[in-house]
ModelCIF file with pLDDT and N, C-alpha, C, O atoms, coordinates in Angstrom:
data_MODEL
#
_entry.id   MODEL 
#
_entity.id                         1 
_entity.type                       polymer 
_entity.pdbx_number_of_molecules   1 
#
_entity_poly.entity_id                      1 
_entity_poly.type                           'polypeptide(L)' 
_entity_poly.nstd_linkage                   no 
_entity_poly.nstd_monomer                   no 
_entity_poly.pdbx_seq_one_letter_code       
;(UNK)(UNK)(UNK)(UNK)(UNK)(UNK)(UNK)(UNK)(UNK)(UNK)(UNK)(UNK)(UNK)(UNK)(UNK)(UNK)
(UNK)(UNK)(UNK)(UNK)(UNK)(UNK)(UNK)(UNK)(UNK)(UNK)(UNK)(UNK)(UNK)(UNK)(UNK)(UNK)
(UNK)(UNK)(UNK)(UNK)(UNK)(UNK)(UNK)(UNK)(UNK)(UNK)(UNK)(UNK)(UNK)(UNK)(UNK)
;
_entity_poly.pdbx_seq_one_letter_code_can   XXXXXXXXXXXXXXXXXXXXXXXXXXXXXXXXXXXXXXXXXXXXXXX 
_entity_poly.pdbx_strand_id                 A 
#
loop_
_entity_poly_seq.entity_id 
_entity_poly_seq.num 
_entity_poly_seq.mon_id 
_entity_poly_seq.hetero 
1 1  UNK n 
1 2  UNK n 
1 3  UNK n 
1 4  UNK n 
1 5  UNK n 
1 6  UNK n 
1 7  UNK n 
1 8  UNK n 
1 9  UNK n 
1 10 UNK n 
1 11 UNK n 
1 12 UNK n 
1 13 UNK n 
1 14 UNK n 
1 15 UNK n 
1 16 UNK n 
1 17 UNK n 
1 18 UNK n 
1 19 UNK n 
1 20 UNK n 
1 21 UNK n 
1 22 UNK n 
1 23 UNK n 
1 24 UNK n 
1 25 UNK n 
1 26 UNK n 
1 27 UNK n 
1 28 UNK n 
1 29 UNK n 
1 30 UNK n 
1 31 UNK n 
1 32 UNK n 
1 33 UNK n 
1 34 UNK n 
1 35 UNK n 
1 36 UNK n 
1 37 UNK n 
1 38 UNK n 
1 39 UNK n 
1 40 UNK n 
1 41 UNK n 
1 42 UNK n 
1 43 UNK n 
1 44 UNK n 
1 45 UNK n 
1 46 UNK n 
1 47 UNK n 
#
_struct_asym.id          A 
_struct_asym.entity_id   1 
#
loop_
_ma_qa_metric.id 
_ma_qa_metric.mode 
_ma_qa_metric.name 
_ma_qa_metric.software_group_id 
_ma_qa_metric.type 
1 global pLDDT . pLDDT 
2 local  pLDDT . pLDDT 
#
_ma_qa_metric_global.metric_id      1 
_ma_qa_metric_global.metric_value   85.74 
_ma_qa_metric_global.model_id       1 
_ma_qa_metric_global.ordinal_id     1 
#
loop_
_ma_qa_metric_local.label_asym_id 
_ma_qa_metric_local.label_comp_id 
_ma_qa_metric_local.label_seq_id 
_ma_qa_metric_local.metric_id 
_ma_qa_metric_local.metric_value 
_ma_qa_metric_local.model_id 
_ma_qa_metric_local.ordinal_id 
A UNK 1  2 87.00 1 1  
A UNK 2  2 87.00 1 2  
A UNK 3  2 88.00 1 3  
A UNK 4  2 89.00 1 4  
A UNK 5  2 89.00 1 5  
A UNK 6  2 87.00 1 6  
A UNK 7  2 87.00 1 7  
A UNK 8  2 86.00 1 8  
A UNK 9  2 84.00 1 9  
A UNK 10 2 84.00 1 10 
A UNK 11 2 84.00 1 11 
A UNK 12 2 78.00 1 12 
A UNK 13 2 82.00 1 13 
A UNK 14 2 81.00 1 14 
A UNK 15 2 85.00 1 15 
A UNK 16 2 86.00 1 16 
A UNK 17 2 84.00 1 17 
A UNK 18 2 84.00 1 18 
A UNK 19 2 87.00 1 19 
A UNK 20 2 87.00 1 20 
A UNK 21 2 85.00 1 21 
A UNK 22 2 85.00 1 22 
A UNK 23 2 86.00 1 23 
A UNK 24 2 86.00 1 24 
A UNK 25 2 84.00 1 25 
A UNK 26 2 83.00 1 26 
A UNK 27 2 84.00 1 27 
A UNK 28 2 86.00 1 28 
A UNK 29 2 88.00 1 29 
A UNK 30 2 86.00 1 30 
A UNK 31 2 88.00 1 31 
A UNK 32 2 90.00 1 32 
A UNK 33 2 88.00 1 33 
A UNK 34 2 85.00 1 34 
A UNK 35 2 88.00 1 35 
A UNK 36 2 88.00 1 36 
A UNK 37 2 82.00 1 37 
A UNK 38 2 83.00 1 38 
A UNK 39 2 87.00 1 39 
A UNK 40 2 87.00 1 40 
A UNK 41 2 89.00 1 41 
A UNK 42 2 85.00 1 42 
A UNK 43 2 88.00 1 43 
A UNK 44 2 88.00 1 44 
A UNK 45 2 85.00 1 45 
A UNK 46 2 84.00 1 46 
A UNK 47 2 86.00 1 47 
#
loop_
_atom_site.group_PDB 
_atom_site.id 
_atom_site.type_symbol 
_atom_site.label_atom_id 
_atom_site.label_alt_id 
_atom_site.label_comp_id 
_atom_site.label_asym_id 
_atom_site.label_entity_id 
_atom_site.label_seq_id 
_atom_site.pdbx_PDB_ins_code 
_atom_site.Cartn_x 
_atom_site.Cartn_y 
_atom_site.Cartn_z 
_atom_site.occupancy 
_atom_site.B_iso_or_equiv 
_atom_site.pdbx_formal_charge 
_atom_site.auth_seq_id 
_atom_site.auth_comp_id 
_atom_site.auth_asym_id 
_atom_site.auth_atom_id 
_atom_site.pdbx_PDB_model_num 
ATOM 1   N N  . UNK A 1 1  ? 42.659 -12.251 -68.275 1.00 87.00 ? 1  UNK A N  1 
ATOM 2   C CA . UNK A 1 1  ? 43.881 -13.037 -68.244 1.00 87.00 ? 1  UNK A CA 1 
ATOM 3   C C  . UNK A 1 1  ? 44.058 -13.780 -66.936 1.00 87.00 ? 1  UNK A C  1 
ATOM 4   O O  . UNK A 1 1  ? 44.555 -14.905 -66.907 1.00 87.00 ? 1  UNK A O  1 
ATOM 5   N N  . UNK A 1 2  ? 43.646 -13.136 -65.853 1.00 87.00 ? 2  UNK A N  1 
ATOM 6   C CA . UNK A 1 2  ? 43.763 -13.777 -64.543 1.00 87.00 ? 2  UNK A CA 1 
ATOM 7   C C  . UNK A 1 2  ? 42.937 -15.057 -64.482 1.00 87.00 ? 2  UNK A C  1 
ATOM 8   O O  . UNK A 1 2  ? 43.419 -16.088 -64.013 1.00 87.00 ? 2  UNK A O  1 
ATOM 9   N N  . UNK A 1 3  ? 41.701 -14.991 -64.955 1.00 88.00 ? 3  UNK A N  1 
ATOM 10  C CA . UNK A 1 3  ? 40.832 -16.173 -64.931 1.00 88.00 ? 3  UNK A CA 1 
ATOM 11  C C  . UNK A 1 3  ? 41.419 -17.315 -65.770 1.00 88.00 ? 3  UNK A C  1 
ATOM 12  O O  . UNK A 1 3  ? 41.382 -18.476 -65.364 1.00 88.00 ? 3  UNK A O  1 
ATOM 13  N N  . UNK A 1 4  ? 41.960 -16.970 -66.943 1.00 89.00 ? 4  UNK A N  1 
ATOM 14  C CA . UNK A 1 4  ? 42.535 -18.001 -67.807 1.00 89.00 ? 4  UNK A CA 1 
ATOM 15  C C  . UNK A 1 4  ? 43.782 -18.605 -67.177 1.00 89.00 ? 4  UNK A C  1 
ATOM 16  O O  . UNK A 1 4  ? 44.010 -19.809 -67.293 1.00 89.00 ? 4  UNK A O  1 
ATOM 17  N N  . UNK A 1 5  ? 44.588 -17.790 -66.514 1.00 89.00 ? 5  UNK A N  1 
ATOM 18  C CA . UNK A 1 5  ? 45.796 -18.295 -65.858 1.00 89.00 ? 5  UNK A CA 1 
ATOM 19  C C  . UNK A 1 5  ? 45.447 -19.223 -64.693 1.00 89.00 ? 5  UNK A C  1 
ATOM 20  O O  . UNK A 1 5  ? 46.093 -20.252 -64.493 1.00 89.00 ? 5  UNK A O  1 
ATOM 21  N N  . UNK A 1 6  ? 44.431 -18.852 -63.937 1.00 87.00 ? 6  UNK A N  1 
ATOM 22  C CA . UNK A 1 6  ? 43.994 -19.713 -62.824 1.00 87.00 ? 6  UNK A CA 1 
ATOM 23  C C  . UNK A 1 6  ? 43.503 -21.050 -63.362 1.00 87.00 ? 6  UNK A C  1 
ATOM 24  O O  . UNK A 1 6  ? 43.770 -22.098 -62.773 1.00 87.00 ? 6  UNK A O  1 
ATOM 25  N N  . UNK A 1 7  ? 42.786 -21.015 -64.480 1.00 87.00 ? 7  UNK A N  1 
ATOM 26  C CA . UNK A 1 7  ? 42.326 -22.254 -65.096 1.00 87.00 ? 7  UNK A CA 1 
ATOM 27  C C  . UNK A 1 7  ? 43.515 -23.118 -65.523 1.00 87.00 ? 7  UNK A C  1 
ATOM 28  O O  . UNK A 1 7  ? 43.507 -24.334 -65.334 1.00 87.00 ? 7  UNK A O  1 
ATOM 29  N N  . UNK A 1 8  ? 44.531 -22.480 -66.098 1.00 86.00 ? 8  UNK A N  1 
ATOM 30  C CA . UNK A 1 8  ? 45.738 -23.218 -66.481 1.00 86.00 ? 8  UNK A CA 1 
ATOM 31  C C  . UNK A 1 8  ? 46.432 -23.807 -65.264 1.00 86.00 ? 8  UNK A C  1 
ATOM 32  O O  . UNK A 1 8  ? 46.950 -24.923 -65.314 1.00 86.00 ? 8  UNK A O  1 
ATOM 33  N N  . UNK A 1 9  ? 46.439 -23.051 -64.172 1.00 84.00 ? 9  UNK A N  1 
ATOM 34  C CA . UNK A 1 9  ? 47.099 -23.521 -62.959 1.00 84.00 ? 9  UNK A CA 1 
ATOM 35  C C  . UNK A 1 9  ? 46.447 -24.790 -62.432 1.00 84.00 ? 9  UNK A C  1 
ATOM 36  O O  . UNK A 1 9  ? 47.142 -25.688 -61.957 1.00 84.00 ? 9  UNK A O  1 
ATOM 37  N N  . UNK A 1 10 ? 45.125 -24.878 -62.510 1.00 84.00 ? 10 UNK A N  1 
ATOM 38  C CA . UNK A 1 10 ? 44.418 -26.065 -62.006 1.00 84.00 ? 10 UNK A CA 1 
ATOM 39  C C  . UNK A 1 10 ? 44.715 -27.299 -62.851 1.00 84.00 ? 10 UNK A C  1 
ATOM 40  O O  . UNK A 1 10 ? 44.511 -28.424 -62.393 1.00 84.00 ? 10 UNK A O  1 
ATOM 41  N N  . UNK A 1 11 ? 45.197 -27.101 -64.086 1.00 84.00 ? 11 UNK A N  1 
ATOM 42  C CA . UNK A 1 11 ? 45.516 -28.244 -64.949 1.00 84.00 ? 11 UNK A CA 1 
ATOM 43  C C  . UNK A 1 11 ? 46.878 -28.846 -64.620 1.00 84.00 ? 11 UNK A C  1 
ATOM 44  O O  . UNK A 1 11 ? 47.250 -29.890 -65.157 1.00 84.00 ? 11 UNK A O  1 
ATOM 45  N N  . UNK A 1 12 ? 47.614 -28.183 -63.738 1.00 78.00 ? 12 UNK A N  1 
ATOM 46  C CA . UNK A 1 12 ? 48.873 -28.725 -63.214 1.00 78.00 ? 12 UNK A CA 1 
ATOM 47  C C  . UNK A 1 12 ? 49.856 -29.079 -64.332 1.00 78.00 ? 12 UNK A C  1 
ATOM 48  O O  . UNK A 1 12 ? 50.356 -30.202 -64.398 1.00 78.00 ? 12 UNK A O  1 
ATOM 49  N N  . UNK A 1 13 ? 50.123 -28.109 -65.206 1.00 82.00 ? 13 UNK A N  1 
ATOM 50  C CA . UNK A 1 13 ? 51.130 -28.281 -66.262 1.00 82.00 ? 13 UNK A CA 1 
ATOM 51  C C  . UNK A 1 13 ? 52.488 -27.925 -65.660 1.00 82.00 ? 13 UNK A C  1 
ATOM 52  O O  . UNK A 1 13 ? 52.822 -26.748 -65.522 1.00 82.00 ? 13 UNK A O  1 
ATOM 53  N N  . UNK A 1 14 ? 53.256 -28.931 -65.307 1.00 81.00 ? 14 UNK A N  1 
ATOM 54  C CA . UNK A 1 14 ? 54.476 -28.728 -64.518 1.00 81.00 ? 14 UNK A CA 1 
ATOM 55  C C  . UNK A 1 14 ? 55.443 -27.770 -65.196 1.00 81.00 ? 14 UNK A C  1 
ATOM 56  O O  . UNK A 1 14 ? 56.009 -26.897 -64.539 1.00 81.00 ? 14 UNK A O  1 
ATOM 57  N N  . UNK A 1 15 ? 55.641 -27.921 -66.501 1.00 85.00 ? 15 UNK A N  1 
ATOM 58  C CA . UNK A 1 15 ? 56.629 -27.098 -67.202 1.00 85.00 ? 15 UNK A CA 1 
ATOM 59  C C  . UNK A 1 15 ? 56.250 -25.618 -67.233 1.00 85.00 ? 15 UNK A C  1 
ATOM 60  O O  . UNK A 1 15 ? 57.117 -24.751 -67.349 1.00 85.00 ? 15 UNK A O  1 
ATOM 61  N N  . UNK A 1 16 ? 54.950 -25.335 -67.129 1.00 86.00 ? 16 UNK A N  1 
ATOM 62  C CA . UNK A 1 16 ? 54.488 -23.948 -67.218 1.00 86.00 ? 16 UNK A CA 1 
ATOM 63  C C  . UNK A 1 16 ? 54.225 -23.307 -65.863 1.00 86.00 ? 16 UNK A C  1 
ATOM 64  O O  . UNK A 1 16 ? 54.087 -22.087 -65.777 1.00 86.00 ? 16 UNK A O  1 
ATOM 65  N N  . UNK A 1 17 ? 54.152 -24.116 -64.794 1.00 84.00 ? 17 UNK A N  1 
ATOM 66  C CA . UNK A 1 17 ? 53.717 -23.572 -63.512 1.00 84.00 ? 17 UNK A CA 1 
ATOM 67  C C  . UNK A 1 17 ? 54.546 -22.378 -63.032 1.00 84.00 ? 17 UNK A C  1 
ATOM 68  O O  . UNK A 1 17 ? 53.959 -21.394 -62.582 1.00 84.00 ? 17 UNK A O  1 
ATOM 69  N N  . UNK A 1 18 ? 55.890 -22.416 -63.105 1.00 84.00 ? 18 UNK A N  1 
ATOM 70  C CA . UNK A 1 18 ? 56.644 -21.239 -62.627 1.00 84.00 ? 18 UNK A CA 1 
ATOM 71  C C  . UNK A 1 18 ? 56.273 -19.957 -63.368 1.00 84.00 ? 18 UNK A C  1 
ATOM 72  O O  . UNK A 1 18 ? 56.273 -18.874 -62.783 1.00 84.00 ? 18 UNK A O  1 
ATOM 73  N N  . UNK A 1 19 ? 55.962 -20.081 -64.642 1.00 87.00 ? 19 UNK A N  1 
ATOM 74  C CA . UNK A 1 19 ? 55.645 -18.905 -65.447 1.00 87.00 ? 19 UNK A CA 1 
ATOM 75  C C  . UNK A 1 19 ? 54.203 -18.452 -65.214 1.00 87.00 ? 19 UNK A C  1 
ATOM 76  O O  . UNK A 1 19 ? 53.903 -17.260 -65.290 1.00 87.00 ? 19 UNK A O  1 
ATOM 77  N N  . UNK A 1 20 ? 53.318 -19.401 -64.933 1.00 87.00 ? 20 UNK A N  1 
ATOM 78  C CA . UNK A 1 20 ? 51.946 -19.042 -64.559 1.00 87.00 ? 20 UNK A CA 1 
ATOM 79  C C  . UNK A 1 20 ? 51.960 -18.272 -63.246 1.00 87.00 ? 20 UNK A C  1 
ATOM 80  O O  . UNK A 1 20 ? 51.278 -17.258 -63.097 1.00 87.00 ? 20 UNK A O  1 
ATOM 81  N N  . UNK A 1 21 ? 52.749 -18.772 -62.297 1.00 85.00 ? 21 UNK A N  1 
ATOM 82  C CA . UNK A 1 21 ? 52.857 -18.103 -60.990 1.00 85.00 ? 21 UNK A CA 1 
ATOM 83  C C  . UNK A 1 21 ? 53.430 -16.707 -61.158 1.00 85.00 ? 21 UNK A C  1 
ATOM 84  O O  . UNK A 1 21 ? 52.945 -15.754 -60.550 1.00 85.00 ? 21 UNK A O  1 
ATOM 85  N N  . UNK A 1 22 ? 54.465 -16.586 -61.986 1.00 85.00 ? 22 UNK A N  1 
ATOM 86  C CA . UNK A 1 22 ? 55.071 -15.272 -62.221 1.00 85.00 ? 22 UNK A CA 1 
ATOM 87  C C  . UNK A 1 22 ? 54.056 -14.301 -62.820 1.00 85.00 ? 22 UNK A C  1 
ATOM 88  O O  . UNK A 1 22 ? 53.997 -13.131 -62.441 1.00 85.00 ? 22 UNK A O  1 
ATOM 89  N N  . UNK A 1 23 ? 53.256 -14.809 -63.764 1.00 86.00 ? 23 UNK A N  1 
ATOM 90  C CA . UNK A 1 23 ? 52.243 -13.958 -64.392 1.00 86.00 ? 23 UNK A CA 1 
ATOM 91  C C  . UNK A 1 23 ? 51.161 -13.552 -63.398 1.00 86.00 ? 23 UNK A C  1 
ATOM 92  O O  . UNK A 1 23 ? 50.736 -12.396 -63.379 1.00 86.00 ? 23 UNK A O  1 
ATOM 93  N N  . UNK A 1 24 ? 50.713 -14.498 -62.570 1.00 86.00 ? 24 UNK A N  1 
ATOM 94  C CA . UNK A 1 24 ? 49.689 -14.183 -61.573 1.00 86.00 ? 24 UNK A CA 1 
ATOM 95  C C  . UNK A 1 24 ? 50.210 -13.169 -60.552 1.00 86.00 ? 24 UNK A C  1 
ATOM 96  O O  . UNK A 1 24 ? 49.476 -12.283 -60.113 1.00 86.00 ? 24 UNK A O  1 
ATOM 97  N N  . UNK A 1 25 ? 51.463 -13.308 -60.187 1.00 84.00 ? 25 UNK A N  1 
ATOM 98  C CA . UNK A 1 25 ? 52.050 -12.341 -59.248 1.00 84.00 ? 25 UNK A CA 1 
ATOM 99  C C  . UNK A 1 25 ? 52.092 -10.949 -59.875 1.00 84.00 ? 25 UNK A C  1 
ATOM 100 O O  . UNK A 1 25 ? 51.843 -9.952  -59.196 1.00 84.00 ? 25 UNK A O  1 
ATOM 101 N N  . UNK A 1 26 ? 52.408 -10.879 -61.181 1.00 83.00 ? 26 UNK A N  1 
ATOM 102 C CA . UNK A 1 26 ? 52.474 -9.580  -61.844 1.00 83.00 ? 26 UNK A CA 1 
ATOM 103 C C  . UNK A 1 26 ? 51.097 -8.926  -61.937 1.00 83.00 ? 26 UNK A C  1 
ATOM 104 O O  . UNK A 1 26 ? 50.991 -7.701  -61.993 1.00 83.00 ? 26 UNK A O  1 
ATOM 105 N N  . UNK A 1 27 ? 50.033 -9.752  -61.953 1.00 84.00 ? 27 UNK A N  1 
ATOM 106 C CA . UNK A 1 27 ? 48.666 -9.232  -62.014 1.00 84.00 ? 27 UNK A CA 1 
ATOM 107 C C  . UNK A 1 27 ? 48.132 -8.831  -60.637 1.00 84.00 ? 27 UNK A C  1 
ATOM 108 O O  . UNK A 1 27 ? 47.045 -8.262  -60.537 1.00 84.00 ? 27 UNK A O  1 
ATOM 109 N N  . UNK A 1 28 ? 48.888 -9.123  -59.580 1.00 86.00 ? 28 UNK A N  1 
ATOM 110 C CA . UNK A 1 28 ? 48.429 -8.808  -58.235 1.00 86.00 ? 28 UNK A CA 1 
ATOM 111 C C  . UNK A 1 28 ? 47.491 -9.842  -57.656 1.00 86.00 ? 28 UNK A C  1 
ATOM 112 O O  . UNK A 1 28 ? 46.861 -9.606  -56.625 1.00 86.00 ? 28 UNK A O  1 
ATOM 113 N N  . UNK A 1 29 ? 47.389 -11.006 -58.323 1.00 88.00 ? 29 UNK A N  1 
ATOM 114 C CA . UNK A 1 29 ? 46.467 -12.050 -57.877 1.00 88.00 ? 29 UNK A CA 1 
ATOM 115 C C  . UNK A 1 29 ? 46.874 -12.587 -56.509 1.00 88.00 ? 29 UNK A C  1 
ATOM 116 O O  . UNK A 1 29 ? 46.023 -12.803 -55.647 1.00 88.00 ? 29 UNK A O  1 
ATOM 117 N N  . UNK A 1 30 ? 48.167 -12.802 -56.310 1.00 86.00 ? 30 UNK A N  1 
ATOM 118 C CA . UNK A 1 30 ? 48.646 -13.378 -55.042 1.00 86.00 ? 30 UNK A CA 1 
ATOM 119 C C  . UNK A 1 30 ? 48.380 -12.411 -53.891 1.00 86.00 ? 30 UNK A C  1 
ATOM 120 O O  . UNK A 1 30 ? 47.896 -12.820 -52.836 1.00 86.00 ? 30 UNK A O  1 
ATOM 121 N N  . UNK A 1 31 ? 48.692 -11.139 -54.090 1.00 88.00 ? 31 UNK A N  1 
ATOM 122 C CA . UNK A 1 31 ? 48.468 -10.151 -53.032 1.00 88.00 ? 31 UNK A CA 1 
ATOM 123 C C  . UNK A 1 31 ? 46.982 -10.047 -52.685 1.00 88.00 ? 31 UNK A C  1 
ATOM 124 O O  . UNK A 1 31 ? 46.623 -9.879  -51.519 1.00 88.00 ? 31 UNK A O  1 
ATOM 125 N N  . UNK A 1 32 ? 46.128 -10.145 -53.693 1.00 90.00 ? 32 UNK A N  1 
ATOM 126 C CA . UNK A 1 32 ? 44.685 -10.074 -53.440 1.00 90.00 ? 32 UNK A CA 1 
ATOM 127 C C  . UNK A 1 32 ? 44.223 -11.249 -52.593 1.00 90.00 ? 32 UNK A C  1 
ATOM 128 O O  . UNK A 1 32 ? 43.392 -11.080 -51.701 1.00 90.00 ? 32 UNK A O  1 
ATOM 129 N N  . UNK A 1 33 ? 44.758 -12.452 -52.865 1.00 88.00 ? 33 UNK A N  1 
ATOM 130 C CA . UNK A 1 33 ? 44.378 -13.636 -52.073 1.00 88.00 ? 33 UNK A CA 1 
ATOM 131 C C  . UNK A 1 33 ? 44.918 -13.518 -50.644 1.00 88.00 ? 33 UNK A C  1 
ATOM 132 O O  . UNK A 1 33 ? 44.257 -13.941 -49.696 1.00 88.00 ? 33 UNK A O  1 
ATOM 133 N N  . UNK A 1 34 ? 46.105 -12.953 -50.489 1.00 85.00 ? 34 UNK A N  1 
ATOM 134 C CA . UNK A 1 34 ? 46.660 -12.774 -49.145 1.00 85.00 ? 34 UNK A CA 1 
ATOM 135 C C  . UNK A 1 34 ? 45.779 -11.830 -48.330 1.00 85.00 ? 34 UNK A C  1 
ATOM 136 O O  . UNK A 1 34 ? 45.542 -12.056 -47.143 1.00 85.00 ? 34 UNK A O  1 
ATOM 137 N N  . UNK A 1 35 ? 45.298 -10.773 -48.978 1.00 88.00 ? 35 UNK A N  1 
ATOM 138 C CA . UNK A 1 35 ? 44.397 -9.846  -48.271 1.00 88.00 ? 35 UNK A CA 1 
ATOM 139 C C  . UNK A 1 35 ? 43.111 -10.541 -47.862 1.00 88.00 ? 35 UNK A C  1 
ATOM 140 O O  . UNK A 1 35 ? 42.537 -10.229 -46.818 1.00 88.00 ? 35 UNK A O  1 
ATOM 141 N N  . UNK A 1 36 ? 42.656 -11.479 -48.678 1.00 88.00 ? 36 UNK A N  1 
ATOM 142 C CA . UNK A 1 36 ? 41.416 -12.193 -48.363 1.00 88.00 ? 36 UNK A CA 1 
ATOM 143 C C  . UNK A 1 36 ? 41.577 -13.120 -47.157 1.00 88.00 ? 36 UNK A C  1 
ATOM 144 O O  . UNK A 1 36 ? 40.577 -13.533 -46.571 1.00 88.00 ? 36 UNK A O  1 
ATOM 145 N N  . UNK A 1 37 ? 42.802 -13.453 -46.776 1.00 82.00 ? 37 UNK A N  1 
ATOM 146 C CA . UNK A 1 37 ? 43.017 -14.283 -45.588 1.00 82.00 ? 37 UNK A CA 1 
ATOM 147 C C  . UNK A 1 37 ? 42.588 -13.568 -44.312 1.00 82.00 ? 37 UNK A C  1 
ATOM 148 O O  . UNK A 1 37 ? 42.489 -14.186 -43.252 1.00 82.00 ? 37 UNK A O  1 
ATOM 149 N N  . UNK A 1 38 ? 42.335 -12.270 -44.413 1.00 83.00 ? 38 UNK A N  1 
ATOM 150 C CA . UNK A 1 38 ? 41.867 -11.495 -43.258 1.00 83.00 ? 38 UNK A CA 1 
ATOM 151 C C  . UNK A 1 38 ? 40.366 -11.213 -43.328 1.00 83.00 ? 38 UNK A C  1 
ATOM 152 O O  . UNK A 1 38 ? 39.823 -10.485 -42.496 1.00 83.00 ? 38 UNK A O  1 
ATOM 153 N N  . UNK A 1 39 ? 39.707 -11.792 -44.321 1.00 87.00 ? 39 UNK A N  1 
ATOM 154 C CA . UNK A 1 39 ? 38.277 -11.526 -44.511 1.00 87.00 ? 39 UNK A CA 1 
ATOM 155 C C  . UNK A 1 39 ? 37.459 -12.099 -43.357 1.00 87.00 ? 39 UNK A C  1 
ATOM 156 O O  . UNK A 1 39 ? 37.814 -13.137 -42.799 1.00 87.00 ? 39 UNK A O  1 
ATOM 157 N N  . UNK A 1 40 ? 36.379 -11.433 -43.004 1.00 87.00 ? 40 UNK A N  1 
ATOM 158 C CA . UNK A 1 40 ? 35.546 -11.894 -41.892 1.00 87.00 ? 40 UNK A CA 1 
ATOM 159 C C  . UNK A 1 40 ? 34.810 -13.187 -42.213 1.00 87.00 ? 40 UNK A C  1 
ATOM 160 O O  . UNK A 1 40 ? 34.466 -13.946 -41.307 1.00 87.00 ? 40 UNK A O  1 
ATOM 161 N N  . UNK A 1 41 ? 34.564 -13.448 -43.513 1.00 89.00 ? 41 UNK A N  1 
ATOM 162 C CA . UNK A 1 41 ? 33.844 -14.653 -43.930 1.00 89.00 ? 41 UNK A CA 1 
ATOM 163 C C  . UNK A 1 41 ? 34.823 -15.824 -44.051 1.00 89.00 ? 41 UNK A C  1 
ATOM 164 O O  . UNK A 1 41 ? 35.742 -15.765 -44.867 1.00 89.00 ? 41 UNK A O  1 
ATOM 165 N N  . UNK A 1 42 ? 34.648 -16.885 -43.257 1.00 85.00 ? 42 UNK A N  1 
ATOM 166 C CA . UNK A 1 42 ? 35.581 -18.014 -43.333 1.00 85.00 ? 42 UNK A CA 1 
ATOM 167 C C  . UNK A 1 42 ? 35.605 -18.693 -44.697 1.00 85.00 ? 42 UNK A C  1 
ATOM 168 O O  . UNK A 1 42 ? 36.622 -19.269 -45.081 1.00 85.00 ? 42 UNK A O  1 
ATOM 169 N N  . UNK A 1 43 ? 34.486 -18.631 -45.440 1.00 88.00 ? 43 UNK A N  1 
ATOM 170 C CA . UNK A 1 43 ? 34.455 -19.229 -46.776 1.00 88.00 ? 43 UNK A CA 1 
ATOM 171 C C  . UNK A 1 43 ? 35.450 -18.537 -47.701 1.00 88.00 ? 43 UNK A C  1 
ATOM 172 O O  . UNK A 1 43 ? 36.141 -19.191 -48.483 1.00 88.00 ? 43 UNK A O  1 
ATOM 173 N N  . UNK A 1 44 ? 35.518 -17.216 -47.609 1.00 88.00 ? 44 UNK A N  1 
ATOM 174 C CA . UNK A 1 44 ? 36.461 -16.454 -48.422 1.00 88.00 ? 44 UNK A CA 1 
ATOM 175 C C  . UNK A 1 44 ? 37.890 -16.808 -48.023 1.00 88.00 ? 44 UNK A C  1 
ATOM 176 O O  . UNK A 1 44 ? 38.759 -16.950 -48.884 1.00 88.00 ? 44 UNK A O  1 
ATOM 177 N N  . UNK A 1 45 ? 38.137 -16.950 -46.714 1.00 85.00 ? 45 UNK A N  1 
ATOM 178 C CA . UNK A 1 45 ? 39.487 -17.288 -46.259 1.00 85.00 ? 45 UNK A CA 1 
ATOM 179 C C  . UNK A 1 45 ? 39.892 -18.687 -46.723 1.00 85.00 ? 45 UNK A C  1 
ATOM 180 O O  . UNK A 1 45 ? 41.044 -18.912 -47.095 1.00 85.00 ? 45 UNK A O  1 
ATOM 181 N N  . UNK A 1 46 ? 38.938 -19.631 -46.701 1.00 84.00 ? 46 UNK A N  1 
ATOM 182 C CA . UNK A 1 46 ? 39.243 -20.990 -47.176 1.00 84.00 ? 46 UNK A CA 1 
ATOM 183 C C  . UNK A 1 46 ? 39.630 -20.975 -48.645 1.00 84.00 ? 46 UNK A C  1 
ATOM 184 O O  . UNK A 1 46 ? 40.616 -21.597 -49.039 1.00 84.00 ? 46 UNK A O  1 
ATOM 185 N N  . UNK A 1 47 ? 38.848 -20.258 -49.461 1.00 86.00 ? 47 UNK A N  1 
ATOM 186 C CA . UNK A 1 47 ? 39.134 -20.193 -50.897 1.00 86.00 ? 47 UNK A CA 1 
ATOM 187 C C  . UNK A 1 47 ? 40.491 -19.535 -51.147 1.00 86.00 ? 47 UNK A C  1 
ATOM 188 O O  . UNK A 1 47 ? 40.905 -19.391 -52.297 1.00 86.00 ? 47 UNK A O  1 
#
């Protein structure tokens, strides 16, 4: 579900974006990306 939601997010569907974000937050996707901001590899931090 996370992969499909990220794909939907890249399509920039304005009416659905708040709900996509809410769903991604419930899956822990946002917290996982925040943790990656501390990764030693700059490529991971950029992504």
